[in-house]
Amino acid sequence: MIQRIQTVYLIITAILSGVLPFWLPLWSENGNAVYASEALWIAAVFMVVAVLALIAVFLYKNRKNQFVLNRLNLILNLFLLGFFVYRSLSLSGETSVSEKGIGMLIPIFSIVFLALANKAIKKDEDLVKSVDRLR
């Protein structure tokens, strides 16, 4: 359902993870920008995150499964963020010139939007439970 706020958050997450890593550089080595499409497993993880977010959009009738799928998506984003932190910390002491790119921040924004979506899903679930008590 498009009118629910968690759907908007999940679509934003899908766009962030499915489109931006291929346009924004993750890091640069010797002046050459490295994008997600150049590292196959990074591109695969970004695409899995985007697909999971889109699948969660269509699970609006089963809020518990939507919540669990978002938690799995959060774990994937934390794994990706951990790799980027490790990569950025290992860049500083090398002899060749390298820089961190703006694309390394994408998992942080995805985590924020997934957490907001989970909060809204939990709020909907609590509302449904409170209405069921009144019957």
C-alpha atoms as a PDB file:
ATOM      1  CA  MET A   1       0.000   0.000   0.000  1.00  0.00           C
ATOM      2  CA  ILE A   2       1.533   3.245  -1.121  1.00  0.00           C
ATOM      3  CA  GLN A   3      -0.240   5.418   1.445  1.00  0.00           C
ATOM      4  CA  ARG A   4       1.644   3.853   4.351  1.00  0.00           C
ATOM      5  CA  ILE A   5       4.802   5.656   5.438  1.00  0.00           C
ATOM      6  CA  GLN A   6       6.842   2.462   5.727  1.00  0.00           C
ATOM      7  CA  THR A   7       6.245   1.838   2.024  1.00  0.00           C
ATOM      8  CA  VAL A   8       7.830   5.188   1.252  1.00  0.00           C
ATOM      9  CA  TYR A   9      10.803   4.351   3.479  1.00  0.00           C
ATOM     10  CA  LEU A  10      11.233   0.963   1.817  1.00  0.00           C
ATOM     11  CA  ILE A  11      11.060   2.438  -1.690  1.00  0.00           C
ATOM     12  CA  ILE A  12      13.669   5.038  -0.724  1.00  0.00           C
ATOM     13  CA  THR A  13      15.877   2.207   0.561  1.00  0.00           C
ATOM     14  CA  ALA A  14      15.405   0.279  -2.683  1.00  0.00           C
ATOM     15  CA  ILE A  15      16.371   3.322  -4.746  1.00  0.00           C
ATOM     16  CA  LEU A  16      19.359   4.094  -2.519  1.00  0.00           C
ATOM     17  CA  SER A  17      20.711   0.548  -2.721  1.00  0.00           C
ATOM     18  CA  GLY A  18      19.632  -0.348  -6.240  1.00  0.00           C
ATOM     19  CA  VAL A  19      20.637   2.757  -8.174  1.00  0.00           C
ATOM     20  CA  LEU A  20      23.059   5.022  -6.320  1.00  0.00           C
ATOM     21  CA  PRO A  21      25.995   2.593  -5.821  1.00  0.00           C
ATOM     22  CA  PHE A  22      26.353   2.369  -9.585  1.00  0.00           C
ATOM     23  CA  TRP A  23      26.462   6.176 -10.016  1.00  0.00           C
ATOM     24  CA  LEU A  24      28.408   7.270  -6.937  1.00  0.00           C
ATOM     25  CA  PRO A  25      32.011   6.136  -6.413  1.00  0.00           C
ATOM     26  CA  LEU A  26      32.657   3.949  -3.382  1.00  0.00           C
ATOM     27  CA  TRP A  27      36.348   4.841  -3.245  1.00  0.00           C
ATOM     28  CA  SER A  28      39.107   5.829  -5.625  1.00  0.00           C
ATOM     29  CA  GLU A  29      42.495   4.261  -6.125  1.00  0.00           C
ATOM     30  CA  ASN A  30      45.237   6.183  -7.944  1.00  0.00           C
ATOM     31  CA  GLY A  31      42.682   8.657  -9.245  1.00  0.00           C
ATOM     32  CA  ASN A  32      40.382   5.954 -10.682  1.00  0.00           C
ATOM     33  CA  ALA A  33      36.930   5.820  -9.105  1.00  0.00           C
ATOM     34  CA  VAL A  34      35.715   2.379  -8.029  1.00  0.00           C
ATOM     35  CA  TYR A  35      31.973   1.803  -8.416  1.00  0.00           C
ATOM     36  CA  ALA A  36      29.847  -1.074  -7.141  1.00  0.00           C
ATOM     37  CA  SER A  37      29.638  -2.541 -10.645  1.00  0.00           C
ATOM     38  CA  GLU A  38      33.401  -3.172 -10.613  1.00  0.00           C
ATOM     39  CA  ALA A  39      33.232  -5.372  -7.507  1.00  0.00           C
ATOM     40  CA  LEU A  40      30.789  -8.175  -8.211  1.00  0.00           C
ATOM     41  CA  TRP A  41      30.027  -9.218  -4.648  1.00  0.00           C
ATOM     42  CA  ILE A  42      29.449  -5.617  -3.525  1.00  0.00           C
ATOM     43  CA  ALA A  43      27.031  -5.097  -6.422  1.00  0.00           C
ATOM     44  CA  ALA A  44      25.283  -8.367  -5.523  1.00  0.00           C
ATOM     45  CA  VAL A  45      24.835  -7.337  -1.881  1.00  0.00           C
ATOM     46  CA  PHE A  46      23.474  -3.926  -2.904  1.00  0.00           C
ATOM     47  CA  MET A  47      21.029  -5.585  -5.306  1.00  0.00           C
ATOM     48  CA  VAL A  48      19.911  -8.112  -2.661  1.00  0.00           C
ATOM     49  CA  VAL A  49      19.245  -5.219  -0.266  1.00  0.00           C
ATOM     50  CA  ALA A  50      17.183  -3.437  -2.942  1.00  0.00           C
ATOM     51  CA  VAL A  51      15.205  -6.591  -3.826  1.00  0.00           C
ATOM     52  CA  LEU A  52      14.502  -7.368  -0.157  1.00  0.00           C
ATOM     53  CA  ALA A  53      13.197  -3.828   0.330  1.00  0.00           C
ATOM     54  CA  LEU A  54      10.894  -4.191  -2.686  1.00  0.00           C
ATOM     55  CA  ILE A  55       9.673  -7.591  -1.492  1.00  0.00           C
ATOM     56  CA  ALA A  56       8.930  -6.065   1.910  1.00  0.00           C
ATOM     57  CA  VAL A  57       6.767  -3.422   0.215  1.00  0.00           C
ATOM     58  CA  PHE A  58       4.459  -6.143  -1.097  1.00  0.00           C
ATOM     59  CA  LEU A  59       4.228  -7.941   2.266  1.00  0.00           C
ATOM     60  CA  TYR A  60       1.967  -5.231   3.680  1.00  0.00           C
ATOM     61  CA  LYS A  61      -0.727  -7.761   4.634  1.00  0.00           C
ATOM     62  CA  ASN A  62       1.684  -9.761   6.784  1.00  0.00           C
ATOM     63  CA  ARG A  63       3.365  -7.185   8.978  1.00  0.00           C
ATOM     64  CA  LYS A  64       5.316  -9.717  11.035  1.00  0.00           C
ATOM     65  CA  ASN A  65       7.052 -11.138   7.963  1.00  0.00           C
ATOM     66  CA  GLN A  66       7.666  -7.600   6.712  1.00  0.00           C
ATOM     67  CA  PHE A  67       9.300  -6.729  10.034  1.00  0.00           C
ATOM     68  CA  VAL A  68      11.525  -9.852   9.964  1.00  0.00           C
ATOM     69  CA  LEU A  69      12.531  -9.218   6.344  1.00  0.00           C
ATOM     70  CA  ASN A  70      13.524  -5.665   7.246  1.00  0.00           C
ATOM     71  CA  ARG A  71      15.659  -6.954  10.100  1.00  0.00           C
ATOM     72  CA  LEU A  72      17.426  -9.310   7.695  1.00  0.00           C
ATOM     73  CA  ASN A  73      17.942  -6.345   5.398  1.00  0.00           C
ATOM     74  CA  LEU A  74      19.385  -4.358   8.305  1.00  0.00           C
ATOM     75  CA  ILE A  75      21.883  -7.153   8.998  1.00  0.00           C
ATOM     76  CA  LEU A  76      22.978  -7.164   5.344  1.00  0.00           C
ATOM     77  CA  ASN A  77      23.461  -3.408   5.447  1.00  0.00           C
ATOM     78  CA  LEU A  78      25.468  -3.679   8.667  1.00  0.00           C
ATOM     79  CA  PHE A  79      27.674  -6.302   7.019  1.00  0.00           C
ATOM     80  CA  LEU A  80      28.222  -4.005   4.029  1.00  0.00           C
ATOM     81  CA  LEU A  81      28.912  -1.044   6.309  1.00  0.00           C
ATOM     82  CA  GLY A  82      31.408  -3.121   8.280  1.00  0.00           C
ATOM     83  CA  PHE A  83      33.252  -3.990   5.090  1.00  0.00           C
ATOM     84  CA  PHE A  84      33.359  -0.327   4.049  1.00  0.00           C
ATOM     85  CA  VAL A  85      34.671   0.710   7.474  1.00  0.00           C
ATOM     86  CA  TYR A  86      37.345  -1.976   7.280  1.00  0.00           C
ATOM     87  CA  ARG A  87      38.215  -0.878   3.735  1.00  0.00           C
ATOM     88  CA  SER A  88      38.395   2.800   4.668  1.00  0.00           C
ATOM     89  CA  LEU A  89      40.605   2.098   7.683  1.00  0.00           C
ATOM     90  CA  SER A  90      42.996   0.027   5.591  1.00  0.00           C
ATOM     91  CA  LEU A  91      43.360   2.778   2.960  1.00  0.00           C
ATOM     92  CA  SER A  92      45.261   5.282   5.081  1.00  0.00           C
ATOM     93  CA  GLY A  93      48.673   3.638   5.377  1.00  0.00           C
ATOM     94  CA  GLU A  94      49.324   2.572   1.815  1.00  0.00           C
ATOM     95  CA  THR A  95      51.851   4.046  -0.579  1.00  0.00           C
ATOM     96  CA  SER A  96      49.439   4.673  -3.451  1.00  0.00           C
ATOM     97  CA  VAL A  97      47.011   7.567  -3.230  1.00  0.00           C
ATOM     98  CA  SER A  98      43.434   6.558  -2.480  1.00  0.00           C
ATOM     99  CA  GLU A  99      40.326   8.344  -1.268  1.00  0.00           C
ATOM    100  CA  LYS A 100      37.053   7.377   0.312  1.00  0.00           C
ATOM    101  CA  GLY A 101      33.974   7.980  -1.839  1.00  0.00           C
ATOM    102  CA  ILE A 102      30.498   9.202  -1.026  1.00  0.00           C
ATOM    103  CA  GLY A 103      29.078   5.792  -1.954  1.00  0.00           C
ATOM    104  CA  MET A 104      30.350   4.358   1.327  1.00  0.00           C
ATOM    105  CA  LEU A 105      27.578   6.267   3.111  1.00  0.00           C
ATOM    106  CA  ILE A 106      24.751   4.488   1.270  1.00  0.00           C
ATOM    107  CA  PRO A 107      24.430   1.635   3.838  1.00  0.00           C
ATOM    108  CA  ILE A 108      24.120   4.210   6.646  1.00  0.00           C
ATOM    109  CA  PHE A 109      21.178   5.908   4.938  1.00  0.00           C
ATOM    110  CA  SER A 110      19.629   2.518   4.152  1.00  0.00           C
ATOM    111  CA  ILE A 111      19.916   1.485   7.801  1.00  0.00           C
ATOM    112  CA  VAL A 112      18.202   4.698   8.912  1.00  0.00           C
ATOM    113  CA  PHE A 113      15.297   4.262   6.484  1.00  0.00           C
ATOM    114  CA  LEU A 114      14.906   0.572   7.353  1.00  0.00           C
ATOM    115  CA  ALA A 115      14.821   1.416  11.059  1.00  0.00           C
ATOM    116  CA  LEU A 116      12.156   4.061  10.391  1.00  0.00           C
ATOM    117  CA  ALA A 117      10.163   1.530   8.364  1.00  0.00           C
ATOM    118  CA  ASN A 118      10.386  -1.020  11.182  1.00  0.00           C
ATOM    119  CA  LYS A 119       9.213   1.597  13.657  1.00  0.00           C
ATOM    120  CA  ALA A 120       6.191   2.381  11.470  1.00  0.00           C
ATOM    121  CA  ILE A 121       5.421  -1.335  10.985  1.00  0.00           C
ATOM    122  CA  LYS A 122       5.546  -1.868  14.745  1.00  0.00           C
ATOM    123  CA  LYS A 123       3.224   1.108  15.229  1.00  0.00           C
ATOM    124  CA  ASP A 124       0.727  -0.370  12.726  1.00  0.00           C
ATOM    125  CA  GLU A 125       0.903  -3.764  14.417  1.00  0.00           C
ATOM    126  CA  ASP A 126       0.235  -2.200  17.821  1.00  0.00           C
ATOM    127  CA  LEU A 127      -2.726  -0.263  16.382  1.00  0.00           C
ATOM    128  CA  VAL A 128      -4.257  -3.438  14.941  1.00  0.00           C
ATOM    129  CA  LYS A 129      -3.777  -5.272  18.253  1.00  0.00           C
ATOM    130  CA  SER A 130      -5.455  -2.447  20.181  1.00  0.00           C
ATOM    131  CA  VAL A 131      -8.445  -2.443  17.819  1.00  0.00           C
ATOM    132  CA  ASP A 132      -8.772  -6.235  18.159  1.00  0.00           C
ATOM    133  CA  ARG A 133      -9.002  -5.878  21.952  1.00  0.00           C
ATOM    134  CA  LEU A 134     -12.067  -3.679  21.622  1.00  0.00           C
ATOM    135  CA  ARG A 135     -14.089  -6.257  19.683  1.00  0.00           C
END
